[in-house]
């Protein structure tokens, strides 16, 4: 119990990253999402307008693992699939409420 109380105090105001720590580009992520949605025929429009973009970045979960004893239990594709399904259900529900579908 003392450990939990100490942990709560120690993490107040802290930020944590949660990921499976894969190094994946935004373009690769978009292609994975499109594939999971059976929309691989779509191609993203890349404008190359951003400046000072960080070329390689990924989330480190070291802090969450250390302080929270957290570890990933899902793959990226599974997490994306569940997220896509949630959004599809959400949008369908909203459209049904408006009478569009």
PDB file of N, CA and C in Angstrom:
ATOM      1  N   UNK A   1       0.820  -1.190   0.000  1.00  0.00           N
ATOM      2  CA  UNK A   1       0.000   0.000   0.000  1.00  0.00           C
ATOM      3  C   UNK A   1       0.866   1.255   0.000  1.00  0.00           C
ATOM      4  N   UNK A   2       1.917   1.232   0.795  1.00  0.00           N
ATOM      5  CA  UNK A   2       2.825   2.378   0.850  1.00  0.00           C
ATOM      6  C   UNK A   2       3.462   2.614  -0.520  1.00  0.00           C
ATOM      7  N   UNK A   3       3.802   1.518  -1.219  1.00  0.00           N
ATOM      8  CA  UNK A   3       4.388   1.642  -2.555  1.00  0.00           C
ATOM      9  C   UNK A   3       3.426   2.353  -3.496  1.00  0.00           C
ATOM     10  N   UNK A   4       2.139   1.979  -3.472  1.00  0.00           N
ATOM     11  CA  UNK A   4       1.149   2.609  -4.344  1.00  0.00           C
ATOM     12  C   UNK A   4       0.972   4.076  -4.022  1.00  0.00           C
ATOM     13  N   UNK A   5       0.955   4.425  -2.753  1.00  0.00           N
ATOM     14  CA  UNK A   5       0.821   5.826  -2.361  1.00  0.00           C
ATOM     15  C   UNK A   5       2.044   6.626  -2.814  1.00  0.00           C
ATOM     16  N   UNK A   6       3.220   6.060  -2.643  1.00  0.00           N
ATOM     17  CA  UNK A   6       4.451   6.715  -3.069  1.00  0.00           C
ATOM     18  C   UNK A   6       4.466   6.863  -4.582  1.00  0.00           C
ATOM     19  N   UNK A   7       4.031   5.825  -5.298  1.00  0.00           N
ATOM     20  CA  UNK A   7       3.987   5.858  -6.754  1.00  0.00           C
ATOM     21  C   UNK A   7       3.048   6.955  -7.235  1.00  0.00           C
ATOM     22  N   UNK A   8       1.879   7.064  -6.636  1.00  0.00           N
ATOM     23  CA  UNK A   8       0.924   8.111  -7.034  1.00  0.00           C
ATOM     24  C   UNK A   8       1.531   9.494  -6.890  1.00  0.00           C
ATOM     25  N   UNK A   9       2.220   9.722  -5.791  1.00  0.00           N
ATOM     26  CA  UNK A   9       2.851  11.023  -5.575  1.00  0.00           C
ATOM     27  C   UNK A   9       3.958  11.242  -6.597  1.00  0.00           C
ATOM     28  N   UNK A  10       4.722  10.209  -6.884  1.00  0.00           N
ATOM     29  CA  UNK A  10       5.859  10.317  -7.795  1.00  0.00           C
ATOM     30  C   UNK A  10       5.430  10.597  -9.232  1.00  0.00           C
ATOM     31  N   UNK A  11       4.249  10.152  -9.638  1.00  0.00           N
ATOM     32  CA  UNK A  11       3.852  10.294 -11.032  1.00  0.00           C
ATOM     33  C   UNK A  11       2.873  11.438 -11.302  1.00  0.00           C
ATOM     34  N   UNK A  12       2.473  12.149 -10.260  1.00  0.00           N
ATOM     35  CA  UNK A  12       1.559  13.280 -10.453  1.00  0.00           C
ATOM     36  C   UNK A  12       2.215  14.283 -11.391  1.00  0.00           C
ATOM     37  N   UNK A  13       1.535  14.622 -12.468  1.00  0.00           N
ATOM     38  CA  UNK A  13       2.026  15.594 -13.426  1.00  0.00           C
ATOM     39  C   UNK A  13       3.016  15.053 -14.442  1.00  0.00           C
ATOM     40  N   UNK A  14       3.362  13.783 -14.328  1.00  0.00           N
ATOM     41  CA  UNK A  14       4.307  13.181 -15.270  1.00  0.00           C
ATOM     42  C   UNK A  14       3.611  12.820 -16.579  1.00  0.00           C
ATOM     43  N   UNK A  15       4.360  12.821 -17.664  1.00  0.00           N
ATOM     44  CA  UNK A  15       3.856  12.378 -18.969  1.00  0.00           C
ATOM     45  C   UNK A  15       4.509  11.045 -19.302  1.00  0.00           C
ATOM     46  N   UNK A  16       3.736  10.155 -19.911  1.00  0.00           N
ATOM     47  CA  UNK A  16       4.240   8.837 -20.269  1.00  0.00           C
ATOM     48  C   UNK A  16       3.946   8.560 -21.729  1.00  0.00           C
ATOM     49  N   UNK A  17       4.847   7.850 -22.392  1.00  0.00           N
ATOM     50  CA  UNK A  17       4.636   7.366 -23.749  1.00  0.00           C
ATOM     51  C   UNK A  17       4.247   5.898 -23.677  1.00  0.00           C
ATOM     52  N   UNK A  18       3.269   5.526 -24.488  1.00  0.00           N
ATOM     53  CA  UNK A  18       2.852   4.128 -24.568  1.00  0.00           C
ATOM     54  C   UNK A  18       2.878   3.714 -26.037  1.00  0.00           C
ATOM     55  N   UNK A  19       3.679   2.739 -26.343  1.00  0.00           N
ATOM     56  CA  UNK A  19       3.785   2.252 -27.717  1.00  0.00           C
ATOM     57  C   UNK A  19       4.463   0.893 -27.692  1.00  0.00           C
ATOM     58  N   UNK A  20       4.575   0.294 -28.872  1.00  0.00           N
ATOM     59  CA  UNK A  20       5.332  -0.954 -28.963  1.00  0.00           C
ATOM     60  C   UNK A  20       6.757  -0.681 -29.419  1.00  0.00           C
ATOM     61  N   UNK A  21       7.118   0.613 -29.485  1.00  0.00           N
ATOM     62  CA  UNK A  21       8.458   1.101 -29.794  1.00  0.00           C
ATOM     63  C   UNK A  21       8.945   0.772 -31.199  1.00  0.00           C
ATOM     64  N   UNK A  22       8.031   0.484 -32.103  1.00  0.00           N
ATOM     65  CA  UNK A  22       8.428   0.287 -33.492  1.00  0.00           C
ATOM     66  C   UNK A  22       8.860   1.612 -34.091  1.00  0.00           C
ATOM     67  N   UNK A  23       9.903   1.573 -34.880  1.00  0.00           N
ATOM     68  CA  UNK A  23      10.296   2.757 -35.621  1.00  0.00           C
ATOM     69  C   UNK A  23       9.631   2.653 -36.987  1.00  0.00           C
ATOM     70  N   UNK A  24       8.622   3.478 -37.209  1.00  0.00           N
ATOM     71  CA  UNK A  24       7.841   3.413 -38.439  1.00  0.00           C
ATOM     72  C   UNK A  24       7.571   4.835 -38.916  1.00  0.00           C
ATOM     73  N   UNK A  25       7.691   5.048 -40.204  1.00  0.00           N
ATOM     74  CA  UNK A  25       7.464   6.389 -40.736  1.00  0.00           C
ATOM     75  C   UNK A  25       5.964   6.661 -40.825  1.00  0.00           C
ATOM     76  N   UNK A  26       5.639   7.926 -40.934  1.00  0.00           N
ATOM     77  CA  UNK A  26       4.231   8.304 -41.077  1.00  0.00           C
ATOM     78  C   UNK A  26       3.658   7.669 -42.340  1.00  0.00           C
ATOM     79  N   UNK A  27       4.427   7.674 -43.421  1.00  0.00           N
ATOM     80  CA  UNK A  27       3.964   7.084 -44.678  1.00  0.00           C
ATOM     81  C   UNK A  27       3.720   5.583 -44.531  1.00  0.00           C
ATOM     82  N   UNK A  28       4.620   4.887 -43.837  1.00  0.00           N
ATOM     83  CA  UNK A  28       4.414   3.455 -43.587  1.00  0.00           C
ATOM     84  C   UNK A  28       3.167   3.223 -42.752  1.00  0.00           C
ATOM     85  N   UNK A  29       2.943   4.075 -41.768  1.00  0.00           N
ATOM     86  CA  UNK A  29       1.756   3.964 -40.922  1.00  0.00           C
ATOM     87  C   UNK A  29       0.484   4.181 -41.742  1.00  0.00           C
ATOM     88  N   UNK A  30       0.497   5.180 -42.605  1.00  0.00           N
ATOM     89  CA  UNK A  30      -0.659   5.440 -43.466  1.00  0.00           C
ATOM     90  C   UNK A  30      -0.947   4.231 -44.345  1.00  0.00           C
ATOM     91  N   UNK A  31       0.086   3.650 -44.935  1.00  0.00           N
ATOM     92  CA  UNK A  31      -0.103   2.469 -45.786  1.00  0.00           C
ATOM     93  C   UNK A  31      -0.647   1.274 -44.995  1.00  0.00           C
ATOM     94  N   UNK A  32      -0.213   1.113 -43.753  1.00  0.00           N
ATOM     95  CA  UNK A  32      -0.743   0.029 -42.907  1.00  0.00           C
ATOM     96  C   UNK A  32      -2.217   0.244 -42.611  1.00  0.00           C
ATOM     97  N   UNK A  33      -2.570   1.490 -42.281  1.00  0.00           N
ATOM     98  CA  UNK A  33      -3.975   1.805 -41.992  1.00  0.00           C
ATOM     99  C   UNK A  33      -4.827   1.565 -43.227  1.00  0.00           C
ATOM    100  N   UNK A  34      -4.367   2.027 -44.377  1.00  0.00           N
ATOM    101  CA  UNK A  34      -5.121   1.816 -45.615  1.00  0.00           C
ATOM    102  C   UNK A  34      -5.292   0.326 -45.914  1.00  0.00           C
ATOM    103  N   UNK A  35      -4.261  -0.454 -45.691  1.00  0.00           N
ATOM    104  CA  UNK A  35      -4.348  -1.904 -45.929  1.00  0.00           C
ATOM    105  C   UNK A  35      -5.366  -2.544 -44.981  1.00  0.00           C
ATOM    106  N   UNK A  36      -5.339  -2.153 -43.716  1.00  0.00           N
ATOM    107  CA  UNK A  36      -6.284  -2.712 -42.742  1.00  0.00           C
ATOM    108  C   UNK A  36      -7.725  -2.308 -43.035  1.00  0.00           C
ATOM    109  N   UNK A  37      -7.893  -1.184 -43.732  1.00  0.00           N
ATOM    110  CA  UNK A  37      -9.229  -0.721 -44.090  1.00  0.00           C
ATOM    111  C   UNK A  37      -9.649  -1.205 -45.483  1.00  0.00           C
ATOM    112  N   UNK A  38      -8.805  -2.060 -46.084  1.00  0.00           N
ATOM    113  CA  UNK A  38      -9.048  -2.531 -47.453  1.00  0.00           C
ATOM    114  C   UNK A  38      -9.169  -1.369 -48.429  1.00  0.00           C
ATOM    115  N   UNK A  39      -8.314  -0.383 -48.252  1.00  0.00           N
ATOM    116  CA  UNK A  39      -8.298   0.810 -49.105  1.00  0.00           C
ATOM    117  C   UNK A  39      -6.907   1.032 -49.690  1.00  0.00           C
ATOM    118  N   UNK A  40      -6.176  -0.052 -49.946  1.00  0.00           N
ATOM    119  CA  UNK A  40      -4.795   0.051 -50.426  1.00  0.00           C
ATOM    120  C   UNK A  40      -4.679   0.777 -51.755  1.00  0.00           C
ATOM    121  N   UNK A  41      -5.763   0.881 -52.473  1.00  0.00           N
ATOM    122  CA  UNK A  41      -5.743   1.578 -53.759  1.00  0.00           C
ATOM    123  C   UNK A  41      -5.630   3.098 -53.599  1.00  0.00           C
ATOM    124  N   UNK A  42      -5.881   3.601 -52.387  1.00  0.00           N
ATOM    125  CA  UNK A  42      -5.746   5.030 -52.134  1.00  0.00           C
ATOM    126  C   UNK A  42      -4.279   5.386 -51.921  1.00  0.00           C
ATOM    127  N   UNK A  43      -3.869   6.534 -52.403  1.00  0.00           N
ATOM    128  CA  UNK A  43      -2.499   7.000 -52.208  1.00  0.00           C
ATOM    129  C   UNK A  43      -2.536   8.348 -51.486  1.00  0.00           C
ATOM    130  N   UNK A  44      -1.766   8.485 -50.423  1.00  0.00           N
ATOM    131  CA  UNK A  44      -1.731   9.768 -49.717  1.00  0.00           C
ATOM    132  C   UNK A  44      -1.097  10.847 -50.586  1.00  0.00           C
ATOM    133  N   UNK A  45      -1.536  12.065 -50.404  1.00  0.00           N
ATOM    134  CA  UNK A  45      -0.949  13.206 -51.094  1.00  0.00           C
ATOM    135  C   UNK A  45       0.140  13.772 -50.190  1.00  0.00           C
ATOM    136  N   UNK A  46       1.351  13.801 -50.700  1.00  0.00           N
ATOM    137  CA  UNK A  46       2.495  14.272 -49.917  1.00  0.00           C
ATOM    138  C   UNK A  46       2.915  15.627 -50.468  1.00  0.00           C
ATOM    139  N   UNK A  47       2.771  16.661 -49.662  1.00  0.00           N
ATOM    140  CA  UNK A  47       3.049  18.024 -50.114  1.00  0.00           C
ATOM    141  C   UNK A  47       4.474  18.467 -49.818  1.00  0.00           C
ATOM    142  N   UNK A  48       5.144  17.806 -48.885  1.00  0.00           N
ATOM    143  CA  UNK A  48       6.511  18.188 -48.484  1.00  0.00           C
ATOM    144  C   UNK A  48       6.620  19.668 -48.143  1.00  0.00           C
ATOM    145  N   UNK A  49       5.653  20.173 -47.391  1.00  0.00           N
ATOM    146  CA  UNK A  49       5.652  21.585 -47.025  1.00  0.00           C
ATOM    147  C   UNK A  49       6.172  21.846 -45.614  1.00  0.00           C
ATOM    148  N   UNK A  50       6.314  20.819 -44.805  1.00  0.00           N
ATOM    149  CA  UNK A  50       6.758  21.050 -43.425  1.00  0.00           C
ATOM    150  C   UNK A  50       8.253  21.363 -43.402  1.00  0.00           C
ATOM    151  N   UNK A  51       8.609  22.197 -42.458  1.00  0.00           N
ATOM    152  CA  UNK A  51      10.013  22.567 -42.296  1.00  0.00           C
ATOM    153  C   UNK A  51      10.486  22.074 -40.928  1.00  0.00           C
ATOM    154  N   UNK A  52      11.757  21.767 -40.839  1.00  0.00           N
ATOM    155  CA  UNK A  52      12.372  21.339 -39.582  1.00  0.00           C
ATOM    156  C   UNK A  52      11.728  20.075 -39.022  1.00  0.00           C
ATOM    157  N   UNK A  53      11.302  19.195 -39.890  1.00  0.00           N
ATOM    158  CA  UNK A  53      10.686  17.935 -39.459  1.00  0.00           C
ATOM    159  C   UNK A  53      11.759  17.005 -38.897  1.00  0.00           C
ATOM    160  N   UNK A  54      11.435  16.321 -37.826  1.00  0.00           N
ATOM    161  CA  UNK A  54      12.345  15.325 -37.265  1.00  0.00           C
ATOM    162  C   UNK A  54      12.284  14.099 -38.159  1.00  0.00           C
ATOM    163  N   UNK A  55      13.419  13.688 -38.693  1.00  0.00           N
ATOM    164  CA  UNK A  55      13.456  12.591 -39.665  1.00  0.00           C
ATOM    165  C   UNK A  55      13.100  11.241 -39.051  1.00  0.00           C
ATOM    166  N   UNK A  56      13.687  10.924 -37.917  1.00  0.00           N
ATOM    167  CA  UNK A  56      13.465   9.613 -37.304  1.00  0.00           C
ATOM    168  C   UNK A  56      13.081   9.821 -35.839  1.00  0.00           C
ATOM    169  N   UNK A  57      11.901   9.357 -35.481  1.00  0.00           N
ATOM    170  CA  UNK A  57      11.464   9.481 -34.102  1.00  0.00           C
ATOM    171  C   UNK A  57      10.561   8.305 -33.737  1.00  0.00           C
ATOM    172  N   UNK A  58      10.580   7.964 -32.490  1.00  0.00           N
ATOM    173  CA  UNK A  58       9.685   6.931 -31.977  1.00  0.00           C
ATOM    174  C   UNK A  58       9.495   7.166 -30.491  1.00  0.00           C
ATOM    175  N   UNK A  59       8.439   6.579 -29.958  1.00  0.00           N
ATOM    176  CA  UNK A  59       8.129   6.745 -28.541  1.00  0.00           C
ATOM    177  C   UNK A  59       8.921   5.758 -27.699  1.00  0.00           C
ATOM    178  N   UNK A  60       9.550   6.253 -26.674  1.00  0.00           N
ATOM    179  CA  UNK A  60      10.242   5.390 -25.726  1.00  0.00           C
ATOM    180  C   UNK A  60       9.318   5.122 -24.542  1.00  0.00           C
ATOM    181  N   UNK A  61       9.121   3.874 -24.223  1.00  0.00           N
ATOM    182  CA  UNK A  61       8.262   3.499 -23.097  1.00  0.00           C
ATOM    183  C   UNK A  61       9.069   3.184 -21.842  1.00  0.00           C
ATOM    184  N   UNK A  62      10.347   3.494 -21.865  1.00  0.00           N
ATOM    185  CA  UNK A  62      11.227   3.156 -20.740  1.00  0.00           C
ATOM    186  C   UNK A  62      10.690   3.701 -19.415  1.00  0.00           C
ATOM    187  N   UNK A  63      10.226   4.932 -19.420  1.00  0.00           N
ATOM    188  CA  UNK A  63       9.720   5.552 -18.193  1.00  0.00           C
ATOM    189  C   UNK A  63       8.471   4.830 -17.679  1.00  0.00           C
ATOM    190  N   UNK A  64       7.542   4.504 -18.576  1.00  0.00           N
ATOM    191  CA  UNK A  64       6.321   3.790 -18.180  1.00  0.00           C
ATOM    192  C   UNK A  64       6.661   2.388 -17.684  1.00  0.00           C
ATOM    193  N   UNK A  65       7.620   1.750 -18.326  1.00  0.00           N
ATOM    194  CA  UNK A  65       8.021   0.409 -17.898  1.00  0.00           C
ATOM    195  C   UNK A  65       8.640   0.450 -16.506  1.00  0.00           C
ATOM    196  N   UNK A  66       9.458   1.459 -16.274  1.00  0.00           N
ATOM    197  CA  UNK A  66      10.166   1.560 -14.998  1.00  0.00           C
ATOM    198  C   UNK A  66       9.232   1.967 -13.859  1.00  0.00           C
ATOM    199  N   UNK A  67       8.486   3.045 -14.043  1.00  0.00           N
ATOM    200  CA  UNK A  67       7.664   3.575 -12.954  1.00  0.00           C
ATOM    201  C   UNK A  67       6.328   2.864 -12.784  1.00  0.00           C
ATOM    202  N   UNK A  68       5.744   2.431 -13.905  1.00  0.00           N
ATOM    203  CA  UNK A  68       4.402   1.836 -13.852  1.00  0.00           C
ATOM    204  C   UNK A  68       4.405   0.320 -14.013  1.00  0.00           C
ATOM    205  N   UNK A  69       5.580  -0.230 -14.289  1.00  0.00           N
ATOM    206  CA  UNK A  69       5.697  -1.676 -14.571  1.00  0.00           C
ATOM    207  C   UNK A  69       4.826  -2.043 -15.771  1.00  0.00           C
ATOM    208  N   UNK A  70       4.740  -1.130 -16.752  1.00  0.00           N
ATOM    209  CA  UNK A  70       3.901  -1.305 -17.924  1.00  0.00           C
ATOM    210  C   UNK A  70       4.686  -1.984 -19.040  1.00  0.00           C
ATOM    211  N   UNK A  71       4.002  -2.764 -19.843  1.00  0.00           N
ATOM    212  CA  UNK A  71       4.613  -3.331 -21.048  1.00  0.00           C
ATOM    213  C   UNK A  71       3.516  -3.495 -22.103  1.00  0.00           C
ATOM    214  N   UNK A  72       3.892  -3.381 -23.371  1.00  0.00           N
ATOM    215  CA  UNK A  72       2.885  -3.513 -24.424  1.00  0.00           C
ATOM    216  C   UNK A  72       2.352  -4.947 -24.490  1.00  0.00           C
ATOM    217  N   UNK A  73       1.054  -5.064 -24.749  1.00  0.00           N
ATOM    218  CA  UNK A  73       0.447  -6.399 -24.862  1.00  0.00           C
ATOM    219  C   UNK A  73      -0.240  -6.589 -26.209  1.00  0.00           C
ATOM    220  N   UNK A  74      -0.101  -5.606 -27.092  1.00  0.00           N
ATOM    221  CA  UNK A  74      -0.766  -5.674 -28.383  1.00  0.00           C
ATOM    222  C   UNK A  74       0.217  -5.318 -29.487  1.00  0.00           C
ATOM    223  N   UNK A  75      -0.057  -5.821 -30.677  1.00  0.00           N
ATOM    224  CA  UNK A  75       0.752  -5.438 -31.836  1.00  0.00           C
ATOM    225  C   UNK A  75       0.208  -4.139 -32.413  1.00  0.00           C
ATOM    226  N   UNK A  76       0.989  -3.504 -33.234  1.00  0.00           N
ATOM    227  CA  UNK A  76       0.539  -2.280 -33.885  1.00  0.00           C
ATOM    228  C   UNK A  76      -0.690  -2.558 -34.750  1.00  0.00           C
ATOM    229  N   UNK A  77      -0.639  -3.620 -35.544  1.00  0.00           N
ATOM    230  CA  UNK A  77      -1.770  -3.929 -36.429  1.00  0.00           C
ATOM    231  C   UNK A  77      -3.050  -4.227 -35.645  1.00  0.00           C
ATOM    232  N   UNK A  78      -2.927  -4.916 -34.545  1.00  0.00           N
ATOM    233  CA  UNK A  78      -4.121  -5.196 -33.726  1.00  0.00           C
ATOM    234  C   UNK A  78      -4.688  -3.905 -33.152  1.00  0.00           C
ATOM    235  N   UNK A  79      -3.816  -3.055 -32.630  1.00  0.00           N
ATOM    236  CA  UNK A  79      -4.262  -1.776 -32.089  1.00  0.00           C
ATOM    237  C   UNK A  79      -4.899  -0.903 -33.151  1.00  0.00           C
ATOM    238  N   UNK A  80      -4.295  -0.868 -34.332  1.00  0.00           N
ATOM    239  CA  UNK A  80      -4.877  -0.092 -35.430  1.00  0.00           C
ATOM    240  C   UNK A  80      -6.229  -0.665 -35.840  1.00  0.00           C
ATOM    241  N   UNK A  81      -6.323  -1.990 -35.926  1.00  0.00           N
ATOM    242  CA  UNK A  81      -7.588  -2.631 -36.311  1.00  0.00           C
ATOM    243  C   UNK A  81      -8.693  -2.297 -35.323  1.00  0.00           C
ATOM    244  N   UNK A  82      -8.383  -2.360 -34.043  1.00  0.00           N
ATOM    245  CA  UNK A  82      -9.385  -2.042 -33.020  1.00  0.00           C
ATOM    246  C   UNK A  82      -9.788  -0.567 -33.082  1.00  0.00           C
ATOM    247  N   UNK A  83      -8.814   0.300 -33.336  1.00  0.00           N
ATOM    248  CA  UNK A  83      -9.102   1.733 -33.446  1.00  0.00           C
ATOM    249  C   UNK A  83      -9.960   2.019 -34.672  1.00  0.00           C
ATOM    250  N   UNK A  84      -9.619   1.416 -35.793  1.00  0.00           N
ATOM    251  CA  UNK A  84     -10.404   1.592 -37.023  1.00  0.00           C
ATOM    252  C   UNK A  84     -11.834   1.135 -36.803  1.00  0.00           C
ATOM    253  N   UNK A  85     -11.997  -0.025 -36.195  1.00  0.00           N
ATOM    254  CA  UNK A  85     -13.344  -0.550 -35.930  1.00  0.00           C
ATOM    255  C   UNK A  85     -14.130   0.407 -35.033  1.00  0.00           C
ATOM    256  N   UNK A  86     -13.477   0.935 -34.001  1.00  0.00           N
ATOM    257  CA  UNK A  86     -14.153   1.867 -33.094  1.00  0.00           C
ATOM    258  C   UNK A  86     -14.624   3.102 -33.864  1.00  0.00           C
ATOM    259  N   UNK A  87     -13.733   3.684 -34.682  1.00  0.00           N
ATOM    260  CA  UNK A  87     -14.109   4.880 -35.440  1.00  0.00           C
ATOM    261  C   UNK A  87     -15.218   4.584 -36.444  1.00  0.00           C
ATOM    262  N   UNK A  88     -15.155   3.424 -37.094  1.00  0.00           N
ATOM    263  CA  UNK A  88     -16.217   3.074 -38.039  1.00  0.00           C
ATOM    264  C   UNK A  88     -17.558   2.968 -37.326  1.00  0.00           C
ATOM    265  N   UNK A  89     -17.580   2.333 -36.170  1.00  0.00           N
ATOM    266  CA  UNK A  89     -18.818   2.232 -35.393  1.00  0.00           C
ATOM    267  C   UNK A  89     -19.289   3.602 -34.924  1.00  0.00           C
ATOM    268  N   UNK A  90     -18.381   4.447 -34.485  1.00  0.00           N
ATOM    269  CA  UNK A  90     -18.707   5.785 -34.022  1.00  0.00           C
ATOM    270  C   UNK A  90     -19.328   6.618 -35.146  1.00  0.00           C
ATOM    271  N   UNK A  91     -18.678   6.597 -36.306  1.00  0.00           N
ATOM    272  CA  UNK A  91     -19.186   7.367 -37.444  1.00  0.00           C
ATOM    273  C   UNK A  91     -20.541   6.817 -37.894  1.00  0.00           C
ATOM    274  N   UNK A  92     -20.676   5.496 -37.974  1.00  0.00           N
ATOM    275  CA  UNK A  92     -21.959   4.897 -38.358  1.00  0.00           C
ATOM    276  C   UNK A  92     -23.062   5.325 -37.394  1.00  0.00           C
ATOM    277  N   UNK A  93     -22.755   5.338 -36.103  1.00  0.00           N
ATOM    278  CA  UNK A  93     -23.737   5.741 -35.096  1.00  0.00           C
ATOM    279  C   UNK A  93     -24.135   7.204 -35.287  1.00  0.00           C
ATOM    280  N   UNK A  94     -23.130   8.067 -35.496  1.00  0.00           N
ATOM    281  CA  UNK A  94     -23.422   9.500 -35.697  1.00  0.00           C
ATOM    282  C   UNK A  94     -24.251   9.707 -36.956  1.00  0.00           C
ATOM    283  N   UNK A  95     -23.913   8.994 -38.037  1.00  0.00           N
ATOM    284  CA  UNK A  95     -24.669   9.128 -39.279  1.00  0.00           C
ATOM    285  C   UNK A  95     -26.103   8.618 -39.098  1.00  0.00           C
ATOM    286  N   UNK A  96     -26.252   7.544 -38.338  1.00  0.00           N
ATOM    287  CA  UNK A  96     -27.593   7.006 -38.081  1.00  0.00           C
ATOM    288  C   UNK A  96     -28.423   8.008 -37.285  1.00  0.00           C
ATOM    289  N   UNK A  97     -27.804   8.694 -36.344  1.00  0.00           N
ATOM    290  CA  UNK A  97     -28.515   9.698 -35.551  1.00  0.00           C
ATOM    291  C   UNK A  97     -28.986  10.877 -36.407  1.00  0.00           C
ATOM    292  N   UNK A  98     -28.212  11.185 -37.425  1.00  0.00           N
ATOM    293  CA  UNK A  98     -28.586  12.313 -38.283  1.00  0.00           C
ATOM    294  C   UNK A  98     -29.525  11.900 -39.401  1.00  0.00           C
ATOM    295  N   UNK A  99     -29.770  10.593 -39.527  1.00  0.00           N
ATOM    296  CA  UNK A  99     -30.665  10.094 -40.568  1.00  0.00           C
ATOM    297  C   UNK A  99     -30.012   9.946 -41.929  1.00  0.00           C
ATOM    298  N   UNK A 100     -28.694  10.105 -41.982  1.00  0.00           N
ATOM    299  CA  UNK A 100     -27.984   9.998 -43.269  1.00  0.00           C
ATOM    300  C   UNK A 100     -27.936   8.556 -43.754  1.00  0.00           C
ATOM    301  N   UNK A 101     -27.808   7.600 -42.814  1.00  0.00           N
ATOM    302  CA  UNK A 101     -27.807   6.188 -43.229  1.00  0.00           C
ATOM    303  C   UNK A 101     -28.982   5.463 -42.614  1.00  0.00           C
TER     304      UNK A 101
END
